[in-house]
C-alpha atoms as a PDB file:
ATOM      1  CA  MET A   1      11.328 -46.139 -74.190  1.00  0.00           C
ATOM      2  CA  PHE A   2       7.965 -44.075 -74.491  1.00  0.00           C
ATOM      3  CA  ARG A   3       6.400 -46.152 -71.429  1.00  0.00           C
ATOM      4  CA  ALA A   4       9.468 -45.777 -69.172  1.00  0.00           C
ATOM      5  CA  ILE A   5       9.004 -41.971 -69.656  1.00  0.00           C
ATOM      6  CA  ILE A   6       5.714 -41.929 -69.302  1.00  0.00           C
ATOM      7  CA  LEU A   7       5.581 -44.127 -66.323  1.00  0.00           C
ATOM      8  CA  SER A   8       8.397 -42.159 -64.681  1.00  0.00           C
ATOM      9  CA  SER A   9       6.740 -38.796 -65.225  1.00  0.00           C
ATOM     10  CA  VAL A  10       3.280 -40.223 -63.697  1.00  0.00           C
ATOM     11  CA  LEU A  11       5.656 -41.353 -60.518  1.00  0.00           C
ATOM     12  CA  LEU A  12       7.366 -38.115 -60.394  1.00  0.00           C
ATOM     13  CA  LEU A  13       4.018 -36.002 -60.605  1.00  0.00           C
ATOM     14  CA  SER A  14       2.253 -37.922 -57.991  1.00  0.00           C
ATOM     15  CA  GLY A  15       5.182 -38.411 -55.938  1.00  0.00           C
ATOM     16  CA  CYS A  16       4.518 -40.550 -52.769  1.00  0.00           C
ATOM     17  CA  SER A  17       0.925 -39.778 -52.753  1.00  0.00           C
ATOM     18  CA  ILE A  18      -0.053 -42.928 -54.325  1.00  0.00           C
ATOM     19  CA  PHE A  19       1.562 -44.929 -51.404  1.00  0.00           C
ATOM     20  CA  SER A  20       0.077 -42.767 -48.614  1.00  0.00           C
ATOM     21  CA  GLU A  21      -3.078 -42.919 -46.557  1.00  0.00           C
ATOM     22  CA  PRO A  22      -5.958 -40.680 -47.723  1.00  0.00           C
ATOM     23  CA  GLU A  23      -6.341 -37.651 -45.511  1.00  0.00           C
ATOM     24  CA  PRO A  24      -8.938 -37.919 -42.760  1.00  0.00           C
ATOM     25  CA  LYS A  25     -12.392 -36.376 -43.147  1.00  0.00           C
ATOM     26  CA  ILE A  26     -13.043 -33.172 -41.174  1.00  0.00           C
ATOM     27  CA  ILE A  27     -16.091 -33.303 -39.537  1.00  0.00           C
ATOM     28  CA  THR A  28     -17.700 -30.144 -38.094  1.00  0.00           C
ATOM     29  CA  LYS A  29     -19.843 -30.407 -35.034  1.00  0.00           C
ATOM     30  CA  THR A  30     -21.623 -27.771 -33.308  1.00  0.00           C
ATOM     31  CA  GLU A  31     -21.843 -27.848 -29.680  1.00  0.00           C
ATOM     32  CA  TYR A  32     -23.849 -25.542 -27.480  1.00  0.00           C
ATOM     33  CA  THR A  33     -22.850 -24.562 -24.083  1.00  0.00           C
ATOM     34  CA  GLU A  34     -24.402 -22.170 -21.881  1.00  0.00           C
ATOM     35  CA  ALA A  35     -22.097 -19.134 -20.994  1.00  0.00           C
ATOM     36  CA  PRO A  36     -21.283 -18.934 -17.271  1.00  0.00           C
ATOM     37  CA  LEU A  37     -23.014 -15.943 -15.420  1.00  0.00           C
ATOM     38  CA  LEU A  38     -20.744 -12.931 -14.717  1.00  0.00           C
ATOM     39  CA  HIS A  39     -21.274 -10.752 -11.751  1.00  0.00           C
ATOM     40  CA  PRO A  40     -19.466  -7.427 -11.880  1.00  0.00           C
ATOM     41  CA  ASP A  41     -18.061  -6.068  -8.531  1.00  0.00           C
ATOM     42  CA  MET A  42     -20.036  -3.629  -7.328  1.00  0.00           C
ATOM     43  CA  PRO A  43     -18.416  -0.420  -6.677  1.00  0.00           C
ATOM     44  CA  SER A  44     -17.189   0.847  -3.182  1.00  0.00           C
ATOM     45  CA  PRO A  45     -19.934   2.978  -1.650  1.00  0.00           C
ATOM     46  CA  VAL A  46     -19.484   7.053  -1.694  1.00  0.00           C
ATOM     47  CA  GLU A  47     -19.912   8.443   1.720  1.00  0.00           C
ATOM     48  CA  ALA A  48     -22.195  11.339   1.831  1.00  0.00           C
ATOM     49  CA  PHE A  49     -20.446  14.734   2.635  1.00  0.00           C
ATOM     50  CA  LYS A  50     -22.167  16.414   5.484  1.00  0.00           C
ATOM     51  CA  PRO A  51     -20.778  19.930   5.726  1.00  0.00           C
ATOM     52  CA  ASN A  52     -21.198  22.236   8.648  1.00  0.00           C
ATOM     53  CA  TRP A  53     -23.649  24.662   7.348  1.00  0.00           C
ATOM     54  CA  MET A  54     -23.663  28.142   9.038  1.00  0.00           C
ATOM     55  CA  VAL A  55     -25.325  31.634   8.417  1.00  0.00           C
ATOM     56  CA  ILE A  56     -22.534  34.146   7.919  1.00  0.00           C
ATOM     57  CA  THR A  57     -23.617  37.680   9.338  1.00  0.00           C
ATOM     58  CA  LYS A  58     -21.734  40.334  11.128  1.00  0.00           C
ATOM     59  CA  GLU A  59     -22.562  39.061  14.323  1.00  0.00           C
ATOM     60  CA  THR A  60     -21.335  35.528  13.509  1.00  0.00           C
ATOM     61  CA  ILE A  61     -18.109  36.863  12.292  1.00  0.00           C
ATOM     62  CA  GLU A  62     -17.223  38.708  15.119  1.00  0.00           C
ATOM     63  CA  GLU A  63     -17.507  35.311  17.303  1.00  0.00           C
ATOM     64  CA  LYS A  64     -14.800  33.528  15.042  1.00  0.00           C
ATOM     65  CA  PRO A  65     -11.021  34.112  15.376  1.00  0.00           C
ATOM     66  CA  ASP A  66      -8.999  36.504  13.195  1.00  0.00           C
ATOM     67  CA  ASN A  67      -7.769  34.087  10.718  1.00  0.00           C
ATOM     68  CA  PHE A  68     -11.468  32.585  10.069  1.00  0.00           C
ATOM     69  CA  VAL A  69     -12.049  32.223   6.263  1.00  0.00           C
ATOM     70  CA  ALA A  70     -15.403  30.741   4.993  1.00  0.00           C
ATOM     71  CA  GLN A  71     -16.409  30.268   1.589  1.00  0.00           C
ATOM     72  CA  GLY A  72     -20.009  30.525   0.172  1.00  0.00           C
ATOM     73  CA  LEU A  73     -22.466  30.626  -2.754  1.00  0.00           C
ATOM     74  CA  GLU A  74     -24.892  33.215  -3.884  1.00  0.00           C
ATOM     75  CA  TRP A  75     -28.448  31.996  -3.610  1.00  0.00           C
ATOM     76  CA  ASP A  76     -28.958  31.136  -7.239  1.00  0.00           C
ATOM     77  CA  GLN A  77     -25.730  29.384  -7.549  1.00  0.00           C
ATOM     78  CA  GLY A  78     -26.602  27.457  -4.133  1.00  0.00           C
ATOM     79  CA  GLN A  79     -29.985  26.336  -5.888  1.00  0.00           C
ATOM     80  CA  ASP A  80     -28.298  25.358  -9.039  1.00  0.00           C
ATOM     81  CA  TYR A  81     -25.717  23.364  -6.793  1.00  0.00           C
ATOM     82  CA  ARG A  82     -28.632  21.386  -4.983  1.00  0.00           C
ATOM     83  CA  ILE A  83     -30.412  20.549  -8.540  1.00  0.00           C
ATOM     84  CA  TRP A  84     -27.031  19.010  -9.555  1.00  0.00           C
ATOM     85  CA  LEU A  85     -26.788  16.972  -6.318  1.00  0.00           C
ATOM     86  CA  GLU A  86     -30.012  15.780  -7.014  1.00  0.00           C
ATOM     87  CA  ASP A  87     -29.185  14.677 -10.474  1.00  0.00           C
ATOM     88  CA  VAL A  88     -26.095  13.056  -9.023  1.00  0.00           C
ATOM     89  CA  VAL A  89     -27.879  11.056  -6.941  1.00  0.00           C
ATOM     90  CA  ARG A  90     -30.305   9.990  -9.540  1.00  0.00           C
ATOM     91  CA  TYR A  91     -27.469   8.853 -11.778  1.00  0.00           C
ATOM     92  CA  ILE A  92     -26.232   6.779  -8.963  1.00  0.00           C
ATOM     93  CA  GLU A  93     -29.598   5.092  -8.171  1.00  0.00           C
ATOM     94  CA  GLN A  94     -29.942   4.231 -12.049  1.00  0.00           C
ATOM     95  CA  LEU A  95     -26.293   2.975 -12.201  1.00  0.00           C
ATOM     96  CA  GLN A  96     -27.042   0.777  -9.099  1.00  0.00           C
ATOM     97  CA  ASN A  97     -30.434  -0.322 -10.809  1.00  0.00           C
ATOM     98  CA  VAL A  98     -28.183  -1.432 -13.669  1.00  0.00           C
ATOM     99  CA  ALA A  99     -25.749  -3.206 -11.729  1.00  0.00           C
ATOM    100  CA  CYS A 100     -28.385  -5.043  -9.660  1.00  0.00           C
ATOM    101  CA  SER A 101     -30.420  -6.062 -12.551  1.00  0.00           C
ATOM    102  CA  TYR A 102     -27.156  -8.408 -13.256  1.00  0.00           C
ATOM    103  CA  ARG A 103     -26.554  -9.218  -9.428  1.00  0.00           C
ATOM    104  CA  GLY A 104     -29.952  -9.736  -8.699  1.00  0.00           C
ATOM    105  CA  GLU A 105     -29.974 -13.587  -8.101  1.00  0.00           C
ATOM    106  CA  LEU A 106     -27.261 -12.768  -5.311  1.00  0.00           C
ATOM    107  CA  ASP A 107     -29.545 -11.242  -2.997  1.00  0.00           C
ATOM    108  CA  GLU A 108     -27.272  -8.742  -1.897  1.00  0.00           C
ATOM    109  CA  LYS A 109     -28.389  -6.141   0.826  1.00  0.00           C
ATOM    110  CA  LEU A 110     -27.374  -3.335  -1.447  1.00  0.00           C
ATOM    111  CA  CYS A 111     -30.044  -4.719  -4.145  1.00  0.00           C
ATOM    112  CA  GLU A 112     -32.721  -5.376  -1.875  1.00  0.00           C
ATOM    113  CA  ARG A 113     -34.769  -2.088  -2.884  1.00  0.00           C
ATOM    114  CA  PHE A 114     -34.342  -2.935  -6.528  1.00  0.00           C
ATOM    115  CA  ASN A 115     -35.439  -6.506  -5.812  1.00  0.00           C
ATOM    116  CA  SER A 116     -38.309  -5.650  -3.927  1.00  0.00           C
ATOM    117  CA  GLU A 117     -39.332  -2.967  -6.400  1.00  0.00           C
ATOM    118  CA  LYS A 118     -38.928  -5.835  -9.360  1.00  0.00           C
ATOM    119  CA  SER A 119     -41.283  -8.133  -7.541  1.00  0.00           C
ATOM    120  CA  GLU A 120     -43.924  -5.323  -6.733  1.00  0.00           C
ATOM    121  CA  LYS A 121     -44.060  -4.773 -10.548  1.00  0.00           C
ATOM    122  CA  LYS A 122     -44.517  -8.629 -11.200  1.00  0.00           C
ATOM    123  CA  GLU A 123     -47.659  -8.816  -8.892  1.00  0.00           C
END
């Protein structure tokens, strides 16, 4: 009786694992693949604004119709505006250089200046 209890308890505790196949070994293998080159799209160009500059004097005001309206800046503000515009141009050129550094191998017309500067530095 004691043997039957031990035998039945061993079978109950082990379940069907005695009769099943062993689990397969997991083999970890590292494969290195080269990541594809991504080329972000260039933003659409900004068209330069070309205002119709004029000097407002008593004579030029008299030549204009009665409903003529003009806006202007004082001299100091005009100088500050020009400095700001130069800063915008610098910023855009730096962004273009960053984008062209990623897209350099595409030989785009937009990146010609960047690629020529890059080749001059190598020489």
